[in-house]
Amino acid sequence: MPRTCYGKAPVPLSPAVRAGDFVYVSGQVPMGEDGCLVDGGIEAQTRQVMANLEAALKLAGAGLEDVVKTTVWLDDARDFGRFNAVYGTFFSSEPPARTAVESRLMVDIKVEVEAVAYRPES
């Protein structure tokens, strides 16, 4: 089965936006740098989403340690346990507040995560 690729076409959003001491990160999906969706199940897709989240935060001068809130959309609530096991490795101490819901997603993916971080401007 061929991989689903979207290329690097511009979309009308910013990966991350700083508003004072807060950083708002757009929903991150399991797309690699090549513009293709990651093959594999919820675990592989979650790892890619979190890597993308970390990269977006870095663009705004923040990191995962600065995240105070995430919102998670899962295509299938039955994936929650496996998603949570991977997600937890990225927030091993003082995890952020989180909302997680089951939802039909815009493309054929299993997970999307957005975040809000607090990082005082230097």
PDB file of N, CA and C in Angstrom:
ATOM      1  N   MET A   1       0.845  -1.180   0.000  1.00  0.00           N
ATOM      2  CA  MET A   1       0.000   0.000   0.000  1.00  0.00           C
ATOM      3  C   MET A   1       0.890   1.242   0.000  1.00  0.00           C
ATOM      4  N   PRO A   2       0.675   2.179  -0.918  1.00  0.00           N
ATOM      5  CA  PRO A   2       1.522   3.374  -0.977  1.00  0.00           C
ATOM      6  C   PRO A   2       1.291   4.284   0.229  1.00  0.00           C
ATOM      7  N   ARG A   3       2.357   4.999   0.593  1.00  0.00           N
ATOM      8  CA  ARG A   3       2.258   5.955   1.693  1.00  0.00           C
ATOM      9  C   ARG A   3       1.467   7.175   1.246  1.00  0.00           C
ATOM     10  N   THR A   4       0.774   7.783   2.199  1.00  0.00           N
ATOM     11  CA  THR A   4       0.046   9.019   1.923  1.00  0.00           C
ATOM     12  C   THR A   4       0.994  10.186   2.154  1.00  0.00           C
ATOM     13  N   CYS A   5       1.206  10.960   1.104  1.00  0.00           N
ATOM     14  CA  CYS A   5       2.114  12.105   1.196  1.00  0.00           C
ATOM     15  C   CYS A   5       1.393  13.370   0.762  1.00  0.00           C
ATOM     16  N   TYR A   6       1.680  14.444   1.458  1.00  0.00           N
ATOM     17  CA  TYR A   6       1.060  15.722   1.168  1.00  0.00           C
ATOM     18  C   TYR A   6       2.070  16.763   0.716  1.00  0.00           C
ATOM     19  N   GLY A   7       3.333  16.405   0.685  1.00  0.00           N
ATOM     20  CA  GLY A   7       4.361  17.354   0.288  1.00  0.00           C
ATOM     21  C   GLY A   7       4.516  18.460   1.309  1.00  0.00           C
ATOM     22  N   LYS A   8       5.139  19.514   0.886  1.00  0.00           N
ATOM     23  CA  LYS A   8       5.380  20.640   1.798  1.00  0.00           C
ATOM     24  C   LYS A   8       4.581  21.856   1.379  1.00  0.00           C
ATOM     25  N   ALA A   9       3.402  21.613   0.845  1.00  0.00           N
ATOM     26  CA  ALA A   9       2.542  22.715   0.414  1.00  0.00           C
ATOM     27  C   ALA A   9       2.187  23.585   1.613  1.00  0.00           C
ATOM     28  N   PRO A  10       2.230  24.904   1.436  1.00  0.00           N
ATOM     29  CA  PRO A  10       1.882  25.789   2.555  1.00  0.00           C
ATOM     30  C   PRO A  10       0.405  25.654   2.928  1.00  0.00           C
ATOM     31  N   VAL A  11       0.162  25.691   4.200  1.00  0.00           N
ATOM     32  CA  VAL A  11      -1.214  25.680   4.707  1.00  0.00           C
ATOM     33  C   VAL A  11      -1.408  26.961   5.511  1.00  0.00           C
ATOM     34  N   PRO A  12      -2.641  27.431   5.624  1.00  0.00           N
ATOM     35  CA  PRO A  12      -2.868  28.717   6.300  1.00  0.00           C
ATOM     36  C   PRO A  12      -2.837  28.601   7.821  1.00  0.00           C
ATOM     37  N   LEU A  13      -1.667  28.267   8.370  1.00  0.00           N
ATOM     38  CA  LEU A  13      -1.490  28.227   9.823  1.00  0.00           C
ATOM     39  C   LEU A  13      -0.017  28.364  10.140  1.00  0.00           C
ATOM     40  N   SER A  14       0.266  28.726  11.371  1.00  0.00           N
ATOM     41  CA  SER A  14       1.636  28.767  11.876  1.00  0.00           C
ATOM     42  C   SER A  14       1.819  27.566  12.782  1.00  0.00           C
ATOM     43  N   PRO A  15       2.981  26.925  12.751  1.00  0.00           N
ATOM     44  CA  PRO A  15       3.201  25.782  13.646  1.00  0.00           C
ATOM     45  C   PRO A  15       3.092  26.188  15.115  1.00  0.00           C
ATOM     46  N   ALA A  16       3.615  27.388  15.431  1.00  0.00           N
ATOM     47  CA  ALA A  16       3.563  27.894  16.806  1.00  0.00           C
ATOM     48  C   ALA A  16       3.536  29.415  16.772  1.00  0.00           C
ATOM     49  N   VAL A  17       2.806  29.985  17.715  1.00  0.00           N
ATOM     50  CA  VAL A  17       2.697  31.440  17.812  1.00  0.00           C
ATOM     51  C   VAL A  17       2.945  31.836  19.263  1.00  0.00           C
ATOM     52  N   ARG A  18       3.826  32.803  19.446  1.00  0.00           N
ATOM     53  CA  ARG A  18       4.082  33.332  20.786  1.00  0.00           C
ATOM     54  C   ARG A  18       3.165  34.522  21.015  1.00  0.00           C
ATOM     55  N   ALA A  19       2.504  34.530  22.167  1.00  0.00           N
ATOM     56  CA  ALA A  19       1.667  35.648  22.597  1.00  0.00           C
ATOM     57  C   ALA A  19       2.122  35.999  24.007  1.00  0.00           C
ATOM     58  N   GLY A  20       3.051  36.933  24.098  1.00  0.00           N
ATOM     59  CA  GLY A  20       3.630  37.260  25.400  1.00  0.00           C
ATOM     60  C   GLY A  20       4.423  36.077  25.920  1.00  0.00           C
ATOM     61  N   ASP A  21       4.070  35.621  27.110  1.00  0.00           N
ATOM     62  CA  ASP A  21       4.779  34.498  27.727  1.00  0.00           C
ATOM     63  C   ASP A  21       4.210  33.141  27.338  1.00  0.00           C
ATOM     64  N   PHE A  22       3.151  33.132  26.540  1.00  0.00           N
ATOM     65  CA  PHE A  22       2.522  31.877  26.130  1.00  0.00           C
ATOM     66  C   PHE A  22       2.870  31.530  24.696  1.00  0.00           C
ATOM     67  N   VAL A  23       2.975  30.235  24.432  1.00  0.00           N
ATOM     68  CA  VAL A  23       3.208  29.720  23.091  1.00  0.00           C
ATOM     69  C   VAL A  23       2.056  28.777  22.767  1.00  0.00           C
ATOM     70  N   TYR A  24       1.388  29.037  21.660  1.00  0.00           N
ATOM     71  CA  TYR A  24       0.271  28.213  21.200  1.00  0.00           C
ATOM     72  C   TYR A  24       0.745  27.402  19.998  1.00  0.00           C
ATOM     73  N   VAL A  25       0.637  26.087  20.108  1.00  0.00           N
ATOM     74  CA  VAL A  25       1.106  25.204  19.046  1.00  0.00           C
ATOM     75  C   VAL A  25      -0.094  24.607  18.333  1.00  0.00           C
ATOM     76  N   SER A  26      -0.109  24.767  17.011  1.00  0.00           N
ATOM     77  CA  SER A  26      -1.172  24.171  16.197  1.00  0.00           C
ATOM     78  C   SER A  26      -1.160  22.655  16.339  1.00  0.00           C
ATOM     79  N   GLY A  27      -2.300  22.055  16.050  1.00  0.00           N
ATOM     80  CA  GLY A  27      -2.403  20.603  16.110  1.00  0.00           C
ATOM     81  C   GLY A  27      -1.345  19.946  15.247  1.00  0.00           C
ATOM     82  N   GLN A  28      -0.605  19.038  15.855  1.00  0.00           N
ATOM     83  CA  GLN A  28       0.458  18.321  15.160  1.00  0.00           C
ATOM     84  C   GLN A  28      -0.045  16.931  14.779  1.00  0.00           C
ATOM     85  N   VAL A  29       0.279  16.533  13.564  1.00  0.00           N
ATOM     86  CA  VAL A  29      -0.153  15.243  13.038  1.00  0.00           C
ATOM     87  C   VAL A  29       1.082  14.390  12.766  1.00  0.00           C
ATOM     88  N   PRO A  30       0.898  13.083  12.555  1.00  0.00           N
ATOM     89  CA  PRO A  30       2.040  12.190  12.359  1.00  0.00           C
ATOM     90  C   PRO A  30       2.616  12.240  10.945  1.00  0.00           C
ATOM     91  N   MET A  31       3.108  13.407  10.571  1.00  0.00           N
ATOM     92  CA  MET A  31       3.699  13.600   9.256  1.00  0.00           C
ATOM     93  C   MET A  31       5.186  13.828   9.432  1.00  0.00           C
ATOM     94  N   GLY A  32       5.979  13.076   8.674  1.00  0.00           N
ATOM     95  CA  GLY A  32       7.427  13.242   8.727  1.00  0.00           C
ATOM     96  C   GLY A  32       7.870  14.464   7.952  1.00  0.00           C
ATOM     97  N   GLU A  33       9.161  14.759   8.025  1.00  0.00           N
ATOM     98  CA  GLU A  33       9.717  15.918   7.318  1.00  0.00           C
ATOM     99  C   GLU A  33       9.560  15.797   5.813  1.00  0.00           C
ATOM    100  N   ASP A  34       9.382  14.555   5.322  1.00  0.00           N
ATOM    101  CA  ASP A  34       9.213  14.340   3.884  1.00  0.00           C
ATOM    102  C   ASP A  34       7.791  14.635   3.403  1.00  0.00           C
ATOM    103  N   GLY A  35       6.905  15.026   4.335  1.00  0.00           N
ATOM    104  CA  GLY A  35       5.529  15.327   3.969  1.00  0.00           C
ATOM    105  C   GLY A  35       4.632  14.108   3.889  1.00  0.00           C
ATOM    106  N   CYS A  36       5.147  12.961   4.314  1.00  0.00           N
ATOM    107  CA  CYS A  36       4.378  11.709   4.274  1.00  0.00           C
ATOM    108  C   CYS A  36       3.928  11.319   5.676  1.00  0.00           C
ATOM    109  N   LEU A  37       2.728  10.743   5.757  1.00  0.00           N
ATOM    110  CA  LEU A  37       2.242  10.241   7.038  1.00  0.00           C
ATOM    111  C   LEU A  37       3.067   9.034   7.447  1.00  0.00           C
ATOM    112  N   VAL A  38       3.322   8.924   8.731  1.00  0.00           N
ATOM    113  CA  VAL A  38       4.119   7.832   9.283  1.00  0.00           C
ATOM    114  C   VAL A  38       3.345   6.529   9.189  1.00  0.00           C
ATOM    115  N   ASP A  39       4.011   5.503   8.734  1.00  0.00           N
ATOM    116  CA  ASP A  39       3.420   4.172   8.729  1.00  0.00           C
ATOM    117  C   ASP A  39       3.405   3.633  10.151  1.00  0.00           C
ATOM    118  N   GLY A  40       2.530   2.700  10.417  1.00  0.00           N
ATOM    119  CA  GLY A  40       2.492   2.071  11.728  1.00  0.00           C
ATOM    120  C   GLY A  40       1.241   2.433  12.484  1.00  0.00           C
ATOM    121  N   GLY A  41       1.153   1.913  13.669  1.00  0.00           N
ATOM    122  CA  GLY A  41      -0.023   2.096  14.501  1.00  0.00           C
ATOM    123  C   GLY A  41       0.061   3.342  15.362  1.00  0.00           C
ATOM    124  N   ILE A  42      -0.761   3.337  16.383  1.00  0.00           N
ATOM    125  CA  ILE A  42      -0.879   4.494  17.268  1.00  0.00           C
ATOM    126  C   ILE A  42       0.449   4.850  17.941  1.00  0.00           C
ATOM    127  N   GLU A  43       1.254   3.847  18.281  1.00  0.00           N
ATOM    128  CA  GLU A  43       2.522   4.132  18.953  1.00  0.00           C
ATOM    129  C   GLU A  43       3.465   4.916  18.048  1.00  0.00           C
ATOM    130  N   ALA A  44       3.656   4.455  16.819  1.00  0.00           N
ATOM    131  CA  ALA A  44       4.538   5.148  15.875  1.00  0.00           C
ATOM    132  C   ALA A  44       4.006   6.536  15.558  1.00  0.00           C
ATOM    133  N   GLN A  45       2.698   6.642  15.367  1.00  0.00           N
ATOM    134  CA  GLN A  45       2.120   7.943  15.057  1.00  0.00           C
ATOM    135  C   GLN A  45       2.242   8.902  16.235  1.00  0.00           C
ATOM    136  N   THR A  46       2.076   8.407  17.453  1.00  0.00           N
ATOM    137  CA  THR A  46       2.216   9.270  18.631  1.00  0.00           C
ATOM    138  C   THR A  46       3.646   9.772  18.766  1.00  0.00           C
ATOM    139  N   ARG A  47       4.629   8.896  18.543  1.00  0.00           N
ATOM    140  CA  ARG A  47       6.027   9.333  18.618  1.00  0.00           C
ATOM    141  C   ARG A  47       6.293  10.451  17.608  1.00  0.00           C
ATOM    142  N   GLN A  48       5.771  10.320  16.389  1.00  0.00           N
ATOM    143  CA  GLN A  48       5.995  11.350  15.370  1.00  0.00           C
ATOM    144  C   GLN A  48       5.288  12.655  15.740  1.00  0.00           C
ATOM    145  N   VAL A  49       4.055  12.546  16.229  1.00  0.00           N
ATOM    146  CA  VAL A  49       3.323  13.739  16.652  1.00  0.00           C
ATOM    147  C   VAL A  49       4.090  14.477  17.745  1.00  0.00           C
ATOM    148  N   MET A  50       4.610  13.746  18.710  1.00  0.00           N
ATOM    149  CA  MET A  50       5.328  14.394  19.807  1.00  0.00           C
ATOM    150  C   MET A  50       6.642  15.000  19.336  1.00  0.00           C
ATOM    151  N   ALA A  51       7.313  14.360  18.381  1.00  0.00           N
ATOM    152  CA  ALA A  51       8.530  14.942  17.800  1.00  0.00           C
ATOM    153  C   ALA A  51       8.178  16.237  17.062  1.00  0.00           C
ATOM    154  N   ASN A  52       7.060  16.239  16.348  1.00  0.00           N
ATOM    155  CA  ASN A  52       6.619  17.441  15.646  1.00  0.00           C
ATOM    156  C   ASN A  52       6.239  18.544  16.634  1.00  0.00           C
ATOM    157  N   LEU A  53       5.594  18.166  17.722  1.00  0.00           N
ATOM    158  CA  LEU A  53       5.229  19.130  18.765  1.00  0.00           C
ATOM    159  C   LEU A  53       6.484  19.774  19.345  1.00  0.00           C
ATOM    160  N   GLU A  54       7.471  18.952  19.637  1.00  0.00           N
ATOM    161  CA  GLU A  54       8.730  19.450  20.191  1.00  0.00           C
ATOM    162  C   GLU A  54       9.414  20.408  19.208  1.00  0.00           C
ATOM    163  N   ALA A  55       9.406  20.077  17.922  1.00  0.00           N
ATOM    164  CA  ALA A  55      10.020  20.938  16.906  1.00  0.00           C
ATOM    165  C   ALA A  55       9.277  22.272  16.789  1.00  0.00           C
ATOM    166  N   ALA A  56       7.955  22.247  16.840  1.00  0.00           N
ATOM    167  CA  ALA A  56       7.168  23.485  16.768  1.00  0.00           C
ATOM    168  C   ALA A  56       7.439  24.373  17.980  1.00  0.00           C
ATOM    169  N   LEU A  57       7.521  23.770  19.158  1.00  0.00           N
ATOM    170  CA  LEU A  57       7.836  24.535  20.366  1.00  0.00           C
ATOM    171  C   LEU A  57       9.195  25.205  20.247  1.00  0.00           C
ATOM    172  N   LYS A  58      10.145  24.472  19.715  1.00  0.00           N
ATOM    173  CA  LYS A  58      11.503  24.998  19.571  1.00  0.00           C
ATOM    174  C   LYS A  58      11.518  26.246  18.677  1.00  0.00           C
ATOM    175  N   LEU A  59      10.678  26.266  17.652  1.00  0.00           N
ATOM    176  CA  LEU A  59      10.589  27.439  16.775  1.00  0.00           C
ATOM    177  C   LEU A  59      10.232  28.699  17.557  1.00  0.00           C
ATOM    178  N   ALA A  60       9.503  28.544  18.652  1.00  0.00           N
ATOM    179  CA  ALA A  60       9.067  29.683  19.462  1.00  0.00           C
ATOM    180  C   ALA A  60       9.905  29.836  20.732  1.00  0.00           C
ATOM    181  N   GLY A  61      11.034  29.122  20.799  1.00  0.00           N
ATOM    182  CA  GLY A  61      11.922  29.258  21.955  1.00  0.00           C
ATOM    183  C   GLY A  61      11.442  28.547  23.195  1.00  0.00           C
ATOM    184  N   ALA A  62      10.661  27.487  23.041  1.00  0.00           N
ATOM    185  CA  ALA A  62      10.133  26.732  24.180  1.00  0.00           C
ATOM    186  C   ALA A  62      10.442  25.247  23.990  1.00  0.00           C
ATOM    187  N   GLY A  63      10.103  24.463  24.991  1.00  0.00           N
ATOM    188  CA  GLY A  63      10.313  23.022  24.928  1.00  0.00           C
ATOM    189  C   GLY A  63       9.167  22.287  25.593  1.00  0.00           C
ATOM    190  N   LEU A  64       9.211  20.981  25.533  1.00  0.00           N
ATOM    191  CA  LEU A  64       8.150  20.168  26.142  1.00  0.00           C
ATOM    192  C   LEU A  64       8.000  20.449  27.633  1.00  0.00           C
ATOM    193  N   GLU A  65       9.091  20.804  28.296  1.00  0.00           N
ATOM    194  CA  GLU A  65       9.035  21.087  29.735  1.00  0.00           C
ATOM    195  C   GLU A  65       8.208  22.327  30.042  1.00  0.00           C
ATOM    196  N   ASP A  66       7.932  23.143  29.028  1.00  0.00           N
ATOM    197  CA  ASP A  66       7.151  24.370  29.198  1.00  0.00           C
ATOM    198  C   ASP A  66       5.655  24.172  28.927  1.00  0.00           C
ATOM    199  N   VAL A  67       5.273  23.001  28.448  1.00  0.00           N
ATOM    200  CA  VAL A  67       3.875  22.750  28.086  1.00  0.00           C
ATOM    201  C   VAL A  67       3.018  22.679  29.347  1.00  0.00           C
ATOM    202  N   VAL A  68       1.930  23.458  29.348  1.00  0.00           N
ATOM    203  CA  VAL A  68       1.015  23.479  30.493  1.00  0.00           C
ATOM    204  C   VAL A  68      -0.332  22.828  30.175  1.00  0.00           C
ATOM    205  N   LYS A  69      -0.648  22.672  28.865  1.00  0.00           N
ATOM    206  CA  LYS A  69      -1.943  22.101  28.481  1.00  0.00           C
ATOM    207  C   LYS A  69      -1.828  21.480  27.096  1.00  0.00           C
ATOM    208  N   THR A  70      -2.391  20.301  26.948  1.00  0.00           N
ATOM    209  CA  THR A  70      -2.500  19.696  25.624  1.00  0.00           C
ATOM    210  C   THR A  70      -3.949  19.296  25.375  1.00  0.00           C
ATOM    211  N   THR A  71      -4.283  19.238  24.108  1.00  0.00           N
ATOM    212  CA  THR A  71      -5.560  18.686  23.676  1.00  0.00           C
ATOM    213  C   THR A  71      -5.232  17.588  22.683  1.00  0.00           C
ATOM    214  N   VAL A  72      -5.831  16.425  22.887  1.00  0.00           N
ATOM    215  CA  VAL A  72      -5.543  15.240  22.084  1.00  0.00           C
ATOM    216  C   VAL A  72      -6.814  14.767  21.418  1.00  0.00           C
ATOM    217  N   TRP A  73      -6.705  14.480  20.131  1.00  0.00           N
ATOM    218  CA  TRP A  73      -7.802  13.854  19.400  1.00  0.00           C
ATOM    219  C   TRP A  73      -7.328  12.486  18.945  1.00  0.00           C
ATOM    220  N   LEU A  74      -8.094  11.468  19.300  1.00  0.00           N
ATOM    221  CA  LEU A  74      -7.815  10.100  18.857  1.00  0.00           C
ATOM    222  C   LEU A  74      -8.906   9.670  17.894  1.00  0.00           C
ATOM    223  N   ASP A  75      -8.505   9.009  16.840  1.00  0.00           N
ATOM    224  CA  ASP A  75      -9.461   8.491  15.873  1.00  0.00           C
ATOM    225  C   ASP A  75     -10.287   7.360  16.487  1.00  0.00           C
ATOM    226  N   ASP A  76      -9.697   6.624  17.421  1.00  0.00           N
ATOM    227  CA  ASP A  76     -10.357   5.475  18.040  1.00  0.00           C
ATOM    228  C   ASP A  76     -10.012   5.448  19.530  1.00  0.00           C
ATOM    229  N   ALA A  77     -10.997   5.615  20.377  1.00  0.00           N
ATOM    230  CA  ALA A  77     -10.775   5.652  21.829  1.00  0.00           C
ATOM    231  C   ALA A  77     -10.129   4.371  22.349  1.00  0.00           C
ATOM    232  N   ARG A  78     -10.261   3.289  21.620  1.00  0.00           N
ATOM    233  CA  ARG A  78      -9.624   2.029  22.053  1.00  0.00           C
ATOM    234  C   ARG A  78      -8.104   2.113  21.990  1.00  0.00           C
ATOM    235  N   ASP A  79      -7.570   3.111  21.300  1.00  0.00           N
ATOM    236  CA  ASP A  79      -6.116   3.312  21.234  1.00  0.00           C
ATOM    237  C   ASP A  79      -5.587   4.097  22.427  1.00  0.00           C
ATOM    238  N   PHE A  80      -6.455   4.550  23.321  1.00  0.00           N
ATOM    239  CA  PHE A  80      -6.040   5.455  24.388  1.00  0.00           C
ATOM    240  C   PHE A  80      -4.914   4.879  25.248  1.00  0.00           C
ATOM    241  N   GLY A  81      -5.006   3.638  25.654  1.00  0.00           N
ATOM    242  CA  GLY A  81      -3.975   3.051  26.518  1.00  0.00           C
ATOM    243  C   GLY A  81      -2.607   3.033  25.858  1.00  0.00           C
ATOM    244  N   ARG A  82      -2.551   2.631  24.605  1.00  0.00           N
ATOM    245  CA  ARG A  82      -1.279   2.581  23.879  1.00  0.00           C
ATOM    246  C   ARG A  82      -0.767   3.996  23.585  1.00  0.00           C
ATOM    247  N   PHE A  83      -1.663   4.908  23.235  1.00  0.00           N
ATOM    248  CA  PHE A  83      -1.275   6.310  23.065  1.00  0.00           C
ATOM    249  C   PHE A  83      -0.686   6.840  24.368  1.00  0.00           C
ATOM    250  N   ASN A  84      -1.385   6.624  25.461  1.00  0.00           N
ATOM    251  CA  ASN A  84      -0.991   7.161  26.757  1.00  0.00           C
ATOM    252  C   ASN A  84       0.380   6.651  27.189  1.00  0.00           C
ATOM    253  N   ALA A  85       0.684   5.389  26.882  1.00  0.00           N
ATOM    254  CA  ALA A  85       1.986   4.813  27.249  1.00  0.00           C
ATOM    255  C   ALA A  85       3.119   5.574  26.551  1.00  0.00           C
ATOM    256  N   VAL A  86       2.947   5.903  25.279  1.00  0.00           N
ATOM    257  CA  VAL A  86       3.978   6.645  24.543  1.00  0.00           C
ATOM    258  C   VAL A  86       4.000   8.105  24.992  1.00  0.00           C
ATOM    259  N   TYR A  87       2.844   8.731  25.063  1.00  0.00           N
ATOM    260  CA  TYR A  87       2.738  10.137  25.476  1.00  0.00           C
ATOM    261  C   TYR A  87       3.420  10.346  26.827  1.00  0.00           C
ATOM    262  N   GLY A  88       3.209   9.427  27.744  1.00  0.00           N
ATOM    263  CA  GLY A  88       3.771   9.538  29.084  1.00  0.00           C
ATOM    264  C   GLY A  88       5.287   9.581  29.109  1.00  0.00           C
ATOM    265  N   THR A  89       5.942   8.991  28.111  1.00  0.00           N
ATOM    266  CA  THR A  89       7.410   9.016  28.075  1.00  0.00           C
ATOM    267  C   THR A  89       7.938  10.411  27.751  1.00  0.00           C
ATOM    268  N   PHE A  90       7.109  11.252  27.162  1.00  0.00           N
ATOM    269  CA  PHE A  90       7.521  12.616  26.828  1.00  0.00           C
ATOM    270  C   PHE A  90       7.273  13.582  27.983  1.00  0.00           C
ATOM    271  N   PHE A  91       6.428  13.188  28.922  1.00  0.00           N
ATOM    272  CA  PHE A  91       6.107  14.021  30.091  1.00  0.00           C
ATOM    273  C   PHE A  91       6.227  13.160  31.343  1.00  0.00           C
ATOM    274  N   SER A  92       7.447  12.693  31.625  1.00  0.00           N
ATOM    275  CA  SER A  92       7.630  11.748  32.726  1.00  0.00           C
ATOM    276  C   SER A  92       7.490  12.391  34.102  1.00  0.00           C
ATOM    277  N   SER A  93       7.729  13.714  34.202  1.00  0.00           N
ATOM    278  CA  SER A  93       7.511  14.391  35.484  1.00  0.00           C
ATOM    279  C   SER A  93       6.702  15.649  35.223  1.00  0.00           C
ATOM    280  N   GLU A  94       5.801  15.950  36.114  1.00  0.00           N
ATOM    281  CA  GLU A  94       4.937  17.120  36.008  1.00  0.00           C
ATOM    282  C   GLU A  94       4.269  17.236  34.637  1.00  0.00           C
ATOM    283  N   PRO A  95       3.457  16.243  34.268  1.00  0.00           N
ATOM    284  CA  PRO A  95       2.773  16.311  32.974  1.00  0.00           C
ATOM    285  C   PRO A  95       1.780  17.476  32.943  1.00  0.00           C
ATOM    286  N   PRO A  96       1.512  17.988  31.737  1.00  0.00           N
ATOM    287  CA  PRO A  96       0.582  19.105  31.611  1.00  0.00           C
ATOM    288  C   PRO A  96      -0.864  18.663  31.813  1.00  0.00           C
ATOM    289  N   ALA A  97      -1.740  19.632  32.022  1.00  0.00           N
ATOM    290  CA  ALA A  97      -3.174  19.346  31.989  1.00  0.00           C
ATOM    291  C   ALA A  97      -3.488  18.838  30.584  1.00  0.00           C
ATOM    292  N   ARG A  98      -4.526  18.010  30.470  1.00  0.00           N
ATOM    293  CA  ARG A  98      -4.806  17.423  29.161  1.00  0.00           C
ATOM    294  C   ARG A  98      -6.286  17.144  29.000  1.00  0.00           C
ATOM    295  N   THR A  99      -6.753  17.331  27.781  1.00  0.00           N
ATOM    296  CA  THR A  99      -8.074  16.890  27.371  1.00  0.00           C
ATOM    297  C   THR A  99      -7.852  15.893  26.247  1.00  0.00           C
ATOM    298  N   ALA A 100      -8.551  14.767  26.283  1.00  0.00           N
ATOM    299  CA  ALA A 100      -8.446  13.771  25.212  1.00  0.00           C
ATOM    300  C   ALA A 100      -9.857  13.360  24.801  1.00  0.00           C
ATOM    301  N   VAL A 101     -10.090  13.362  23.500  1.00  0.00           N
ATOM    302  CA  VAL A 101     -11.400  12.998  22.981  1.00  0.00           C
ATOM    303  C   VAL A 101     -11.249  12.090  21.764  1.00  0.00           C
ATOM    304  N   GLU A 102     -12.293  11.335  21.494  1.00  0.00           N
ATOM    305  CA  GLU A 102     -12.354  10.563  20.257  1.00  0.00           C
ATOM    306  C   GLU A 102     -13.049  11.433  19.221  1.00  0.00           C
ATOM    307  N   SER A 103     -12.470  11.467  18.017  1.00  0.00           N
ATOM    308  CA  SER A 103     -13.009  12.345  16.985  1.00  0.00           C
ATOM    309  C   SER A 103     -12.605  11.845  15.606  1.00  0.00           C
ATOM    310  N   ARG A 104     -13.451  12.082  14.653  1.00  0.00           N
ATOM    311  CA  ARG A 104     -13.067  11.832  13.273  1.00  0.00           C
ATOM    312  C   ARG A 104     -12.078  12.926  12.893  1.00  0.00           C
ATOM    313  N   LEU A 105     -10.945  12.547  12.328  1.00  0.00           N
ATOM    314  CA  LEU A 105      -9.898  13.510  12.010  1.00  0.00           C
ATOM    315  C   LEU A 105      -9.931  13.881  10.534  1.00  0.00           C
ATOM    316  N   MET A 106      -9.246  14.974  10.195  1.00  0.00           N
ATOM    317  CA  MET A 106      -9.327  15.534   8.846  1.00  0.00           C
ATOM    318  C   MET A 106      -8.658  14.676   7.776  1.00  0.00           C
ATOM    319  N   VAL A 107      -7.623  13.945   8.139  1.00  0.00           N
ATOM    320  CA  VAL A 107      -6.961  13.025   7.220  1.00  0.00           C
ATOM    321  C   VAL A 107      -6.915  11.658   7.890  1.00  0.00           C
ATOM    322  N   ASP A 108      -6.475  10.645   7.181  1.00  0.00           N
ATOM    323  CA  ASP A 108      -6.482   9.283   7.697  1.00  0.00           C
ATOM    324  C   ASP A 108      -5.318   9.060   8.663  1.00  0.00           C
ATOM    325  N   ILE A 109      -5.480   9.584   9.876  1.00  0.00           N
ATOM    326  CA  ILE A 109      -4.472   9.447  10.925  1.00  0.00           C
ATOM    327  C   ILE A 109      -5.155   8.957  12.194  1.00  0.00           C
ATOM    328  N   LYS A 110      -4.336   8.564  13.165  1.00  0.00           N
ATOM    329  CA  LYS A 110      -4.871   8.039  14.412  1.00  0.00           C
ATOM    330  C   LYS A 110      -4.850   9.047  15.553  1.00  0.00           C
ATOM    331  N   VAL A 111      -4.023  10.106  15.447  1.00  0.00           N
ATOM    332  CA  VAL A 111      -3.855  11.028  16.574  1.00  0.00           C
ATOM    333  C   VAL A 111      -3.431  12.413  16.097  1.00  0.00           C
ATOM    334  N   GLU A 112      -3.889  13.421  16.831  1.00  0.00           N
ATOM    335  CA  GLU A 112      -3.449  14.808  16.643  1.00  0.00           C
ATOM    336  C   GLU A 112      -3.342  15.427  18.032  1.00  0.00           C
ATOM    337  N   VAL A 113      -2.311  16.243  18.238  1.00  0.00           N
ATOM    338  CA  VAL A 113      -2.092  16.885  19.540  1.00  0.00           C
ATOM    339  C   VAL A 113      -1.761  18.356  19.327  1.00  0.00           C
ATOM    340  N   GLU A 114      -2.447  19.232  20.080  1.00  0.00           N
ATOM    341  CA  GLU A 114      -2.071  20.649  20.133  1.00  0.00           C
ATOM    342  C   GLU A 114      -1.643  20.956  21.556  1.00  0.00           C
ATOM    343  N   ALA A 115      -0.935  22.080  21.718  1.00  0.00           N
ATOM    344  CA  ALA A 115      -0.413  22.395  23.044  1.00  0.00           C
ATOM    345  C   ALA A 115      -0.365  23.891  23.297  1.00  0.00           C
ATOM    346  N   VAL A 116      -0.369  24.226  24.585  1.00  0.00           N
ATOM    347  CA  VAL A 116      -0.107  25.581  25.054  1.00  0.00           C
ATOM    348  C   VAL A 116       1.067  25.468  26.018  1.00  0.00           C
ATOM    349  N   ALA A 117       2.055  26.322  25.817  1.00  0.00           N
ATOM    350  CA  ALA A 117       3.227  26.331  26.691  1.00  0.00           C
ATOM    351  C   ALA A 117       3.350  27.709  27.336  1.00  0.00           C
ATOM    352  N   TYR A 118       3.983  27.727  28.502  1.00  0.00           N
ATOM    353  CA  TYR A 118       4.274  28.975  29.191  1.00  0.00           C
ATOM    354  C   TYR A 118       5.782  29.092  29.314  1.00  0.00           C
ATOM    355  N   ARG A 119       6.330  30.082  28.643  1.00  0.00           N
ATOM    356  CA  ARG A 119       7.780  30.317  28.670  1.00  0.00           C
ATOM    357  C   ARG A 119       7.987  31.820  28.659  1.00  0.00           C
ATOM    358  N   PRO A 120       8.306  32.407  29.817  1.00  0.00           N
ATOM    359  CA  PRO A 120       8.500  33.868  29.864  1.00  0.00           C
ATOM    360  C   PRO A 120       9.516  34.334  28.828  1.00  0.00           C
ATOM    361  N   GLU A 121       9.186  35.449  28.189  1.00  0.00           N
ATOM    362  CA  GLU A 121      10.112  36.024  27.213  1.00  0.00           C
ATOM    363  C   GLU A 121      11.371  36.486  27.920  1.00  0.00           C
ATOM    364  N   SER A 122      12.489  36.282  27.267  1.00  0.00           N
ATOM    365  CA  SER A 122      13.754  36.704  27.911  1.00  0.00           C
ATOM    366  C   SER A 122      14.131  38.104  27.529  1.00  0.00           C
TER     367      SER A 122
END
